[in-house]
Amino acid sequence: MSKPRRFYRDVDGILLLDKPLGLSSNAALQQARTLFSASKAGHAGSLDPLASGLLPICFGQATKVCGRLLDAGKTYLVDVHLGARTESLDGETEVIETAPVPPLDETTVDATLATFLGEQDQVPPMHSALKHQGKRLYELARRGESVERPPRRIRIDRIQRRRLAADRLEFEVACSKGTYIRSLAADIAARLGTLGYLVGLRRLSVEPFESFPMYRIDELQARQDQAGQAGLDELLLSADVAFGELGAVRLGDPETRILLLGQPVPVDGPVQPGASLRAYDPGGRFLALVEGAPDGRVRPVRLFVPVQEGDAPQTGPGDAN
């Protein structure tokens, strides 16, 4: 007997999911999508199965912010095993090299960590999803191949020791997009005079969600059991939270209708040409990102509500299915 067809619905918003260890980002996305019965979902920034922590899940119209969140700064709690190295620079592969760990004290470690602050070049690891001549680097690495990888510019905004033991170092780091924490861990170990590989990684936050709670799958299931679908929906953040640093304009009913047709509209007060703003309808519903036009009006750049029937859908690289 075939299973009953699952009903998916239109739901919009951002879920801050606490991804567990051992689960891929896509598997976590599918579990969240099923719980919310969302017809459209995407995640903003993969976490390896060996990593846990914040994985923003975007539903419906909020999938349009995925690209922005991929570019956002992130904070991690990092656990490094000192005195050994694996080929993948984490616990996924076997140890291939060992080295003695020099006597380390907190002052020495803190001073070493401080040398990583600021902008710098970082060579991506072979075990990464970057491509070389059409092939993923990790595919080449699994065949025992190694190729030259051009360094990438990254930025470390904050780095702080959390725990130090004879062969373990735990630190917290706030960094820019594109930072490979495995490579950072190995580079720190090298600067301490030894080898190191990642044994624990937890993403603590993604800008701009530092002050918001995240939820485990079991917590979501329990809330669904107690409060139903409406209780789950209460946990979603509106897409405009991702643009909190931008100014806002509130439109009247006629202007709202015109804007949703893709046309520029007048607003109260002066608007700087080229300025990005959040636009809301009279009830406070987030409508769109708009941009100031030279004539003082604002024009829609990206709509965050369904277009009216008969209009062409608004799509872009941030959308995900």
C-alpha atoms as a PDB file:
ATOM      1  CA  MET A   1       0.000   0.000   0.000  1.00  0.00           C
ATOM      2  CA  SER A   2       1.464   3.357  -1.016  1.00  0.00           C
ATOM      3  CA  LYS A   3       2.130   6.043   1.543  1.00  0.00           C
ATOM      4  CA  PRO A   4      -0.285   9.001   1.639  1.00  0.00           C
ATOM      5  CA  ARG A   5       0.931  11.978  -0.361  1.00  0.00           C
ATOM      6  CA  ARG A   6       2.494  14.623   1.884  1.00  0.00           C
ATOM      7  CA  PHE A   7       0.896  18.066   1.775  1.00  0.00           C
ATOM      8  CA  TYR A   8       3.312  20.971   1.360  1.00  0.00           C
ATOM      9  CA  ARG A   9       2.253  24.548   1.956  1.00  0.00           C
ATOM     10  CA  ASP A  10       3.501  28.052   1.290  1.00  0.00           C
ATOM     11  CA  VAL A  11       5.334  29.196   4.401  1.00  0.00           C
ATOM     12  CA  ASP A  12       7.813  32.082   4.604  1.00  0.00           C
ATOM     13  CA  GLY A  13      10.528  32.739   7.141  1.00  0.00           C
ATOM     14  CA  ILE A  14      13.928  31.800   8.500  1.00  0.00           C
ATOM     15  CA  LEU A  15      14.458  28.947  10.942  1.00  0.00           C
ATOM     16  CA  LEU A  16      17.654  28.964  13.014  1.00  0.00           C
ATOM     17  CA  LEU A  17      18.301  25.241  13.183  1.00  0.00           C
ATOM     18  CA  ASP A  18      20.825  23.690  15.571  1.00  0.00           C
ATOM     19  CA  LYS A  19      22.160  20.975  13.276  1.00  0.00           C
ATOM     20  CA  PRO A  20      23.279  17.839  15.123  1.00  0.00           C
ATOM     21  CA  LEU A  21      26.502  15.918  14.589  1.00  0.00           C
ATOM     22  CA  GLY A  22      26.388  13.140  12.019  1.00  0.00           C
ATOM     23  CA  LEU A  23      23.763  14.747   9.796  1.00  0.00           C
ATOM     24  CA  SER A  24      24.502  16.433   6.471  1.00  0.00           C
ATOM     25  CA  SER A  25      23.183  19.933   5.895  1.00  0.00           C
ATOM     26  CA  ASN A  26      20.851  18.670   3.181  1.00  0.00           C
ATOM     27  CA  ALA A  27      19.474  15.920   5.427  1.00  0.00           C
ATOM     28  CA  ALA A  28      18.864  18.501   8.163  1.00  0.00           C
ATOM     29  CA  LEU A  29      17.159  20.758   5.621  1.00  0.00           C
ATOM     30  CA  GLN A  30      14.836  17.969   4.525  1.00  0.00           C
ATOM     31  CA  GLN A  31      13.882  17.140   8.123  1.00  0.00           C
ATOM     32  CA  ALA A  32      13.070  20.790   8.816  1.00  0.00           C
ATOM     33  CA  ARG A  33      11.158  21.128   5.566  1.00  0.00           C
ATOM     34  CA  THR A  34       9.068  18.068   6.443  1.00  0.00           C
ATOM     35  CA  LEU A  35       8.294  19.377   9.930  1.00  0.00           C
ATOM     36  CA  PHE A  36       7.126  22.712   8.532  1.00  0.00           C
ATOM     37  CA  SER A  37       5.484  21.111   5.448  1.00  0.00           C
ATOM     38  CA  ALA A  38       7.202  23.825   3.433  1.00  0.00           C
ATOM     39  CA  SER A  39       6.862  23.729  -0.342  1.00  0.00           C
ATOM     40  CA  LYS A  40      10.106  25.650  -0.828  1.00  0.00           C
ATOM     41  CA  ALA A  41      13.247  25.586   1.325  1.00  0.00           C
ATOM     42  CA  GLY A  42      16.989  26.164   1.190  1.00  0.00           C
ATOM     43  CA  HIS A  43      19.865  26.408   3.642  1.00  0.00           C
ATOM     44  CA  ALA A  44      22.405  29.196   3.923  1.00  0.00           C
ATOM     45  CA  GLY A  45      25.881  27.762   4.401  1.00  0.00           C
ATOM     46  CA  SER A  46      26.688  24.051   4.637  1.00  0.00           C
ATOM     47  CA  LEU A  47      27.997  22.366   7.753  1.00  0.00           C
ATOM     48  CA  ASP A  48      29.851  19.051   7.443  1.00  0.00           C
ATOM     49  CA  PRO A  49      28.317  16.018   9.174  1.00  0.00           C
ATOM     50  CA  LEU A  50      31.185  16.231  11.689  1.00  0.00           C
ATOM     51  CA  ALA A  51      30.122  19.782  12.640  1.00  0.00           C
ATOM     52  CA  SER A  52      27.134  20.980  14.628  1.00  0.00           C
ATOM     53  CA  GLY A  53      25.459  24.292  15.278  1.00  0.00           C
ATOM     54  CA  LEU A  54      23.611  27.054  13.497  1.00  0.00           C
ATOM     55  CA  LEU A  55      22.269  26.243  10.042  1.00  0.00           C
ATOM     56  CA  PRO A  56      19.847  28.922   8.805  1.00  0.00           C
ATOM     57  CA  ILE A  57      16.956  27.292   6.943  1.00  0.00           C
ATOM     58  CA  CYS A  58      15.011  29.626   4.656  1.00  0.00           C
ATOM     59  CA  PHE A  59      11.433  28.868   3.636  1.00  0.00           C
ATOM     60  CA  GLY A  60       9.405  30.310   0.783  1.00  0.00           C
ATOM     61  CA  GLN A  61      10.115  33.956  -0.024  1.00  0.00           C
ATOM     62  CA  ALA A  62      12.924  33.968   2.557  1.00  0.00           C
ATOM     63  CA  THR A  63      15.017  31.713   0.278  1.00  0.00           C
ATOM     64  CA  LYS A  64      15.884  34.966  -1.484  1.00  0.00           C
ATOM     65  CA  VAL A  65      18.207  35.880   1.402  1.00  0.00           C
ATOM     66  CA  CYS A  66      20.263  32.661   1.136  1.00  0.00           C
ATOM     67  CA  GLY A  67      22.967  34.318  -0.933  1.00  0.00           C
ATOM     68  CA  ARG A  68      23.296  37.178   1.537  1.00  0.00           C
ATOM     69  CA  LEU A  69      23.677  34.787   4.457  1.00  0.00           C
ATOM     70  CA  LEU A  70      26.327  32.768   2.608  1.00  0.00           C
ATOM     71  CA  ASP A  71      28.398  35.967   2.539  1.00  0.00           C
ATOM     72  CA  ALA A  72      27.834  36.749   6.229  1.00  0.00           C
ATOM     73  CA  GLY A  73      30.437  36.506   8.971  1.00  0.00           C
ATOM     74  CA  LYS A  74      30.274  33.464  11.210  1.00  0.00           C
ATOM     75  CA  THR A  75      31.468  32.427  14.680  1.00  0.00           C
ATOM     76  CA  TYR A  76      32.741  28.945  15.558  1.00  0.00           C
ATOM     77  CA  LEU A  77      33.865  26.976  18.588  1.00  0.00           C
ATOM     78  CA  VAL A  78      36.868  24.933  17.463  1.00  0.00           C
ATOM     79  CA  ASP A  79      38.504  21.904  19.132  1.00  0.00           C
ATOM     80  CA  VAL A  80      41.963  20.955  17.875  1.00  0.00           C
ATOM     81  CA  HIS A  81      43.972  17.825  18.639  1.00  0.00           C
ATOM     82  CA  LEU A  82      47.636  18.808  18.830  1.00  0.00           C
ATOM     83  CA  GLY A  83      50.582  16.614  17.905  1.00  0.00           C
ATOM     84  CA  ALA A  84      49.115  14.847  14.867  1.00  0.00           C
ATOM     85  CA  ARG A  85      47.826  15.500  11.363  1.00  0.00           C
ATOM     86  CA  THR A  86      45.308  13.757   9.154  1.00  0.00           C
ATOM     87  CA  GLU A  87      45.104  14.112   5.392  1.00  0.00           C
ATOM     88  CA  SER A  88      41.708  15.816   5.591  1.00  0.00           C
ATOM     89  CA  LEU A  89      42.798  18.001   8.543  1.00  0.00           C
ATOM     90  CA  ASP A  90      39.850  16.646  10.546  1.00  0.00           C
ATOM     91  CA  GLY A  91      38.708  13.368  12.070  1.00  0.00           C
ATOM     92  CA  GLU A  92      37.311  12.013   8.802  1.00  0.00           C
ATOM     93  CA  THR A  93      40.618  10.369   7.790  1.00  0.00           C
ATOM     94  CA  GLU A  94      43.399   8.502   9.596  1.00  0.00           C
ATOM     95  CA  VAL A  95      46.391  10.137  11.251  1.00  0.00           C
ATOM     96  CA  ILE A  96      49.279  10.229   8.776  1.00  0.00           C
ATOM     97  CA  GLU A  97      51.876  12.167  10.756  1.00  0.00           C
ATOM     98  CA  THR A  98      52.723  12.913  14.375  1.00  0.00           C
ATOM     99  CA  ALA A  99      54.970  15.429  16.091  1.00  0.00           C
ATOM    100  CA  PRO A 100      55.841  16.361  19.674  1.00  0.00           C
ATOM    101  CA  VAL A 101      53.856  19.136  21.304  1.00  0.00           C
ATOM    102  CA  PRO A 102      56.103  21.728  22.948  1.00  0.00           C
ATOM    103  CA  PRO A 103      55.245  22.924  26.455  1.00  0.00           C
ATOM    104  CA  LEU A 104      52.487  25.487  25.984  1.00  0.00           C
ATOM    105  CA  ASP A 105      51.143  28.044  28.418  1.00  0.00           C
ATOM    106  CA  GLU A 106      48.142  30.315  28.103  1.00  0.00           C
ATOM    107  CA  THR A 107      50.227  33.414  27.464  1.00  0.00           C
ATOM    108  CA  THR A 108      52.066  31.795  24.550  1.00  0.00           C
ATOM    109  CA  VAL A 109      48.877  30.422  23.036  1.00  0.00           C
ATOM    110  CA  ASP A 110      47.009  33.717  23.377  1.00  0.00           C
ATOM    111  CA  ALA A 111      49.871  35.602  21.736  1.00  0.00           C
ATOM    112  CA  THR A 112      49.956  33.085  18.886  1.00  0.00           C
ATOM    113  CA  LEU A 113      46.229  33.282  18.314  1.00  0.00           C
ATOM    114  CA  ALA A 114      46.445  37.079  18.177  1.00  0.00           C
ATOM    115  CA  THR A 115      48.817  36.847  15.200  1.00  0.00           C
ATOM    116  CA  PHE A 116      45.921  35.508  13.119  1.00  0.00           C
ATOM    117  CA  LEU A 117      43.759  38.603  13.560  1.00  0.00           C
ATOM    118  CA  GLY A 118      42.948  40.665  10.481  1.00  0.00           C
ATOM    119  CA  GLU A 119      43.061  39.998   6.763  1.00  0.00           C
ATOM    120  CA  GLN A 120      45.305  37.275   5.417  1.00  0.00           C
ATOM    121  CA  ASP A 121      45.708  34.710   2.654  1.00  0.00           C
ATOM    122  CA  GLN A 122      44.657  31.131   3.317  1.00  0.00           C
ATOM    123  CA  VAL A 123      45.311  28.068   1.148  1.00  0.00           C
ATOM    124  CA  PRO A 124      42.136  25.930   0.963  1.00  0.00           C
ATOM    125  CA  PRO A 125      42.500  22.264   1.972  1.00  0.00           C
ATOM    126  CA  MET A 126      42.465  19.505  -0.630  1.00  0.00           C
ATOM    127  CA  HIS A 127      39.447  18.012   1.119  1.00  0.00           C
ATOM    128  CA  SER A 128      37.096  20.815   0.087  1.00  0.00           C
ATOM    129  CA  ALA A 129      34.279  21.357  -2.396  1.00  0.00           C
ATOM    130  CA  LEU A 130      36.255  23.797  -4.536  1.00  0.00           C
ATOM    131  CA  LYS A 131      36.727  22.743  -8.136  1.00  0.00           C
ATOM    132  CA  HIS A 132      39.882  22.142 -10.176  1.00  0.00           C
ATOM    133  CA  GLN A 133      39.336  21.574 -13.902  1.00  0.00           C
ATOM    134  CA  GLY A 134      35.730  20.620 -13.261  1.00  0.00           C
ATOM    135  CA  LYS A 135      36.471  18.176 -10.423  1.00  0.00           C
ATOM    136  CA  ARG A 136      35.822  18.720  -6.719  1.00  0.00           C
ATOM    137  CA  LEU A 137      39.061  18.875  -4.773  1.00  0.00           C
ATOM    138  CA  TYR A 138      37.859  16.248  -2.311  1.00  0.00           C
ATOM    139  CA  GLU A 139      37.310  13.846  -5.231  1.00  0.00           C
ATOM    140  CA  LEU A 140      40.943  14.294  -6.262  1.00  0.00           C
ATOM    141  CA  ALA A 141      42.108  13.981  -2.657  1.00  0.00           C
ATOM    142  CA  ARG A 142      40.271  10.682  -2.223  1.00  0.00           C
ATOM    143  CA  ARG A 143      42.208   9.376  -5.246  1.00  0.00           C
ATOM    144  CA  GLY A 144      45.458  10.393  -3.593  1.00  0.00           C
ATOM    145  CA  GLU A 145      45.982  13.416  -5.855  1.00  0.00           C
ATOM    146  CA  SER A 146      47.070  16.864  -4.788  1.00  0.00           C
ATOM    147  CA  VAL A 147      46.984  20.042  -6.876  1.00  0.00           C
ATOM    148  CA  GLU A 148      48.136  23.586  -6.290  1.00  0.00           C
ATOM    149  CA  ARG A 149      45.420  25.733  -4.730  1.00  0.00           C
ATOM    150  CA  PRO A 150      45.580  29.507  -5.041  1.00  0.00           C
ATOM    151  CA  PRO A 151      45.259  31.280  -1.676  1.00  0.00           C
ATOM    152  CA  ARG A 152      42.039  33.094  -0.833  1.00  0.00           C
ATOM    153  CA  ARG A 153      41.691  36.323   1.109  1.00  0.00           C
ATOM    154  CA  ILE A 154      39.978  35.847   4.475  1.00  0.00           C
ATOM    155  CA  ARG A 155      39.533  37.914   7.636  1.00  0.00           C
ATOM    156  CA  ILE A 156      39.671  36.911  11.298  1.00  0.00           C
ATOM    157  CA  ASP A 157      37.731  39.433  13.375  1.00  0.00           C
ATOM    158  CA  ARG A 158      38.095  37.794  16.779  1.00  0.00           C
ATOM    159  CA  ILE A 159      39.891  34.749  18.128  1.00  0.00           C
ATOM    160  CA  GLN A 160      40.009  33.689  21.770  1.00  0.00           C
ATOM    161  CA  ARG A 161      41.289  30.659  23.652  1.00  0.00           C
ATOM    162  CA  ARG A 162      38.650  28.694  25.553  1.00  0.00           C
ATOM    163  CA  ARG A 163      40.534  25.651  26.834  1.00  0.00           C
ATOM    164  CA  LEU A 164      44.130  24.417  26.787  1.00  0.00           C
ATOM    165  CA  ALA A 165      45.382  20.923  27.663  1.00  0.00           C
ATOM    166  CA  ALA A 166      48.558  18.966  26.900  1.00  0.00           C
ATOM    167  CA  ASP A 167      47.366  17.914  23.453  1.00  0.00           C
ATOM    168  CA  ARG A 168      44.149  19.901  22.968  1.00  0.00           C
ATOM    169  CA  LEU A 169      43.314  23.497  22.195  1.00  0.00           C
ATOM    170  CA  GLU A 170      39.797  24.894  22.058  1.00  0.00           C
ATOM    171  CA  PHE A 171      39.204  28.399  20.750  1.00  0.00           C
ATOM    172  CA  GLU A 172      36.389  30.606  19.509  1.00  0.00           C
ATOM    173  CA  VAL A 173      36.780  32.484  16.240  1.00  0.00           C
ATOM    174  CA  ALA A 174      34.697  35.050  14.369  1.00  0.00           C
ATOM    175  CA  CYS A 175      35.653  35.071  10.712  1.00  0.00           C
ATOM    176  CA  SER A 176      34.659  36.117   7.223  1.00  0.00           C
ATOM    177  CA  LYS A 177      33.040  33.951   4.589  1.00  0.00           C
ATOM    178  CA  GLY A 178      35.368  31.517   2.846  1.00  0.00           C
ATOM    179  CA  THR A 179      37.431  30.758   5.944  1.00  0.00           C
ATOM    180  CA  TYR A 180      38.371  27.076   6.198  1.00  0.00           C
ATOM    181  CA  ILE A 181      38.460  26.281   9.894  1.00  0.00           C
ATOM    182  CA  ARG A 182      40.379  23.027   9.289  1.00  0.00           C
ATOM    183  CA  SER A 183      43.159  24.966   7.586  1.00  0.00           C
ATOM    184  CA  LEU A 184      43.097  27.602  10.314  1.00  0.00           C
ATOM    185  CA  ALA A 185      43.447  24.902  12.996  1.00  0.00           C
ATOM    186  CA  ALA A 186      46.402  23.321  11.191  1.00  0.00           C
ATOM    187  CA  ASP A 187      48.060  26.726  10.691  1.00  0.00           C
ATOM    188  CA  ILE A 188      47.672  27.600  14.374  1.00  0.00           C
ATOM    189  CA  ALA A 189      49.212  24.264  15.387  1.00  0.00           C
ATOM    190  CA  ALA A 190      52.123  24.887  13.024  1.00  0.00           C
ATOM    191  CA  ARG A 191      52.724  28.328  14.510  1.00  0.00           C
ATOM    192  CA  LEU A 192      52.726  26.688  17.953  1.00  0.00           C
ATOM    193  CA  GLY A 193      55.507  24.390  16.744  1.00  0.00           C
ATOM    194  CA  THR A 194      53.547  21.184  16.196  1.00  0.00           C
ATOM    195  CA  LEU A 195      50.834  19.549  14.083  1.00  0.00           C
ATOM    196  CA  GLY A 196      47.087  19.635  14.591  1.00  0.00           C
ATOM    197  CA  TYR A 197      43.755  18.537  13.176  1.00  0.00           C
ATOM    198  CA  LEU A 198      40.122  19.367  13.848  1.00  0.00           C
ATOM    199  CA  VAL A 199      38.237  17.082  16.233  1.00  0.00           C
ATOM    200  CA  GLY A 200      35.280  19.317  17.049  1.00  0.00           C
ATOM    201  CA  LEU A 201      33.499  22.182  15.308  1.00  0.00           C
ATOM    202  CA  ARG A 202      30.351  24.028  16.309  1.00  0.00           C
ATOM    203  CA  ARG A 203      28.934  27.063  14.538  1.00  0.00           C
ATOM    204  CA  LEU A 204      27.774  29.451  17.230  1.00  0.00           C
ATOM    205  CA  SER A 205      26.312  32.248  15.128  1.00  0.00           C
ATOM    206  CA  VAL A 206      25.784  33.701  11.677  1.00  0.00           C
ATOM    207  CA  GLU A 207      25.419  37.451  11.171  1.00  0.00           C
ATOM    208  CA  PRO A 208      22.980  39.049  11.847  1.00  0.00           C
ATOM    209  CA  PHE A 209      21.388  36.371  14.069  1.00  0.00           C
ATOM    210  CA  GLU A 210      23.738  36.548  17.054  1.00  0.00           C
ATOM    211  CA  SER A 211      20.981  37.462  19.521  1.00  0.00           C
ATOM    212  CA  PHE A 212      18.397  34.902  18.374  1.00  0.00           C
ATOM    213  CA  PRO A 213      17.995  31.335  19.720  1.00  0.00           C
ATOM    214  CA  MET A 214      18.426  28.244  17.564  1.00  0.00           C
ATOM    215  CA  TYR A 215      16.352  25.079  17.818  1.00  0.00           C
ATOM    216  CA  ARG A 216      17.192  21.372  17.696  1.00  0.00           C
ATOM    217  CA  ILE A 217      15.132  18.953  15.619  1.00  0.00           C
ATOM    218  CA  ASP A 218      13.782  17.247  18.744  1.00  0.00           C
ATOM    219  CA  GLU A 219      12.715  20.625  20.158  1.00  0.00           C
ATOM    220  CA  LEU A 220      10.835  21.374  16.945  1.00  0.00           C
ATOM    221  CA  GLN A 221       9.134  17.980  17.028  1.00  0.00           C
ATOM    222  CA  ALA A 222       8.074  18.500  20.645  1.00  0.00           C
ATOM    223  CA  ARG A 223       6.695  21.950  19.868  1.00  0.00           C
ATOM    224  CA  GLN A 224       4.769  20.584  16.908  1.00  0.00           C
ATOM    225  CA  ASP A 225       3.240  17.906  19.146  1.00  0.00           C
ATOM    226  CA  GLN A 226       2.230  20.495  21.740  1.00  0.00           C
ATOM    227  CA  ALA A 227       1.243  23.516  19.651  1.00  0.00           C
ATOM    228  CA  GLY A 228       0.750  22.197  16.117  1.00  0.00           C
ATOM    229  CA  GLN A 229       1.895  23.877  12.916  1.00  0.00           C
ATOM    230  CA  ALA A 230       1.024  27.339  14.182  1.00  0.00           C
ATOM    231  CA  GLY A 231       3.356  26.832  17.133  1.00  0.00           C
ATOM    232  CA  LEU A 232       6.200  25.961  14.798  1.00  0.00           C
ATOM    233  CA  ASP A 233       5.535  28.973  12.588  1.00  0.00           C
ATOM    234  CA  GLU A 234       5.949  31.256  15.596  1.00  0.00           C
ATOM    235  CA  LEU A 235       9.642  30.301  15.686  1.00  0.00           C
ATOM    236  CA  LEU A 236      10.331  31.657  12.203  1.00  0.00           C
ATOM    237  CA  LEU A 237      12.073  34.976  11.696  1.00  0.00           C
ATOM    238  CA  SER A 238      10.875  37.314   8.990  1.00  0.00           C
ATOM    239  CA  ALA A 239      13.185  37.732   6.010  1.00  0.00           C
ATOM    240  CA  ASP A 240      13.680  41.410   6.842  1.00  0.00           C
ATOM    241  CA  VAL A 241      15.744  40.447   9.906  1.00  0.00           C
ATOM    242  CA  ALA A 242      18.564  39.733   7.457  1.00  0.00           C
ATOM    243  CA  PHE A 243      18.501  43.414   6.404  1.00  0.00           C
ATOM    244  CA  GLY A 244      18.228  45.030   9.815  1.00  0.00           C
ATOM    245  CA  GLU A 245      21.013  47.523   9.112  1.00  0.00           C
ATOM    246  CA  LEU A 246      19.020  49.150   6.289  1.00  0.00           C
ATOM    247  CA  GLY A 247      16.596  52.024   6.694  1.00  0.00           C
ATOM    248  CA  ALA A 248      12.876  51.476   6.185  1.00  0.00           C
ATOM    249  CA  VAL A 249       9.951  53.147   4.405  1.00  0.00           C
ATOM    250  CA  ARG A 250       6.231  52.471   4.946  1.00  0.00           C
ATOM    251  CA  LEU A 251       3.952  52.685   1.932  1.00  0.00           C
ATOM    252  CA  GLY A 252       0.265  53.405   1.628  1.00  0.00           C
ATOM    253  CA  ASP A 253      -2.175  50.998   0.015  1.00  0.00           C
ATOM    254  CA  PRO A 254      -1.973  52.519  -3.509  1.00  0.00           C
ATOM    255  CA  GLU A 255       1.836  52.585  -3.400  1.00  0.00           C
ATOM    256  CA  THR A 256       1.935  49.010  -2.148  1.00  0.00           C
ATOM    257  CA  ARG A 257      -0.129  47.797  -5.103  1.00  0.00           C
ATOM    258  CA  ILE A 258       2.046  49.700  -7.573  1.00  0.00           C
ATOM    259  CA  LEU A 259       5.297  48.476  -6.022  1.00  0.00           C
ATOM    260  CA  LEU A 260       4.121  44.855  -6.209  1.00  0.00           C
ATOM    261  CA  LEU A 261       3.626  45.398  -9.944  1.00  0.00           C
ATOM    262  CA  GLY A 262       7.329  46.226 -10.162  1.00  0.00           C
ATOM    263  CA  GLN A 263       6.886  49.977 -10.539  1.00  0.00           C
ATOM    264  CA  PRO A 264       8.625  52.834  -8.637  1.00  0.00           C
ATOM    265  CA  VAL A 265       6.556  54.717  -6.081  1.00  0.00           C
ATOM    266  CA  PRO A 266       6.826  57.992  -4.147  1.00  0.00           C
ATOM    267  CA  VAL A 267       7.592  57.932  -0.411  1.00  0.00           C
ATOM    268  CA  ASP A 268       7.361  60.412   2.429  1.00  0.00           C
ATOM    269  CA  GLY A 269      10.607  62.243   3.081  1.00  0.00           C
ATOM    270  CA  PRO A 270      13.858  62.471   1.129  1.00  0.00           C
ATOM    271  CA  VAL A 271      15.551  59.325  -0.199  1.00  0.00           C
ATOM    272  CA  GLN A 272      19.187  59.213  -1.202  1.00  0.00           C
ATOM    273  CA  PRO A 273      19.567  58.028  -4.825  1.00  0.00           C
ATOM    274  CA  GLY A 274      20.966  54.506  -4.853  1.00  0.00           C
ATOM    275  CA  ALA A 275      20.250  53.916  -1.153  1.00  0.00           C
ATOM    276  CA  SER A 276      18.949  50.456  -0.257  1.00  0.00           C
ATOM    277  CA  LEU A 277      15.878  50.380   1.990  1.00  0.00           C
ATOM    278  CA  ARG A 278      13.275  47.962   3.369  1.00  0.00           C
ATOM    279  CA  ALA A 279       9.725  48.647   2.245  1.00  0.00           C
ATOM    280  CA  TYR A 280       6.608  47.775   4.291  1.00  0.00           C
ATOM    281  CA  ASP A 281       2.876  47.971   3.639  1.00  0.00           C
ATOM    282  CA  PRO A 282       0.509  49.927   5.938  1.00  0.00           C
ATOM    283  CA  GLY A 283       0.132  46.894   8.221  1.00  0.00           C
ATOM    284  CA  GLY A 284       3.863  46.476   8.684  1.00  0.00           C
ATOM    285  CA  ARG A 285       4.291  43.516   6.331  1.00  0.00           C
ATOM    286  CA  PHE A 286       7.745  43.365   4.758  1.00  0.00           C
ATOM    287  CA  LEU A 287       7.318  43.819   1.009  1.00  0.00           C
ATOM    288  CA  ALA A 288      10.633  44.321  -0.687  1.00  0.00           C
ATOM    289  CA  LEU A 289      14.103  45.705  -0.869  1.00  0.00           C
ATOM    290  CA  VAL A 290      13.919  49.009  -2.705  1.00  0.00           C
ATOM    291  CA  GLU A 291      16.432  51.493  -4.031  1.00  0.00           C
ATOM    292  CA  GLY A 292      16.265  55.255  -4.113  1.00  0.00           C
ATOM    293  CA  ALA A 293      15.773  56.686  -7.604  1.00  0.00           C
ATOM    294  CA  PRO A 294      17.109  60.079  -8.796  1.00  0.00           C
ATOM    295  CA  ASP A 295      13.561  61.499  -8.903  1.00  0.00           C
ATOM    296  CA  GLY A 296      12.998  60.854  -5.169  1.00  0.00           C
ATOM    297  CA  ARG A 297      10.883  57.747  -5.613  1.00  0.00           C
ATOM    298  CA  VAL A 298      11.947  54.198  -4.723  1.00  0.00           C
ATOM    299  CA  ARG A 299      12.012  51.294  -7.146  1.00  0.00           C
ATOM    300  CA  PRO A 300      11.701  47.603  -6.192  1.00  0.00           C
ATOM    301  CA  VAL A 301      14.915  45.588  -6.297  1.00  0.00           C
ATOM    302  CA  ARG A 302      13.656  42.333  -4.779  1.00  0.00           C
ATOM    303  CA  LEU A 303      10.115  41.441  -3.773  1.00  0.00           C
ATOM    304  CA  PHE A 304       9.556  39.287  -0.681  1.00  0.00           C
ATOM    305  CA  VAL A 305       5.846  38.652  -1.093  1.00  0.00           C
ATOM    306  CA  PRO A 306       4.135  36.576  -3.792  1.00  0.00           C
ATOM    307  CA  VAL A 307       3.600  38.548  -6.969  1.00  0.00           C
ATOM    308  CA  GLN A 308       0.048  39.271  -7.974  1.00  0.00           C
ATOM    309  CA  GLU A 309      -1.711  36.828 -10.241  1.00  0.00           C
ATOM    310  CA  GLY A 310      -0.647  37.280 -13.854  1.00  0.00           C
ATOM    311  CA  ASP A 311       2.675  38.934 -13.013  1.00  0.00           C
ATOM    312  CA  ALA A 312       6.004  37.353 -13.866  1.00  0.00           C
ATOM    313  CA  PRO A 313       7.595  35.640 -10.823  1.00  0.00           C
ATOM    314  CA  GLN A 314      10.598  37.303  -9.194  1.00  0.00           C
ATOM    315  CA  THR A 315      13.539  34.882  -9.179  1.00  0.00           C
ATOM    316  CA  GLY A 316      17.265  35.027  -8.633  1.00  0.00           C
ATOM    317  CA  PRO A 317      20.363  33.237  -7.400  1.00  0.00           C
ATOM    318  CA  GLY A 318      19.165  33.225  -3.790  1.00  0.00           C
ATOM    319  CA  ASP A 319      16.174  31.040  -4.573  1.00  0.00           C
ATOM    320  CA  ALA A 320      16.333  27.366  -3.611  1.00  0.00           C
ATOM    321  CA  ASN A 321      14.032  24.416  -4.092  1.00  0.00           C
END
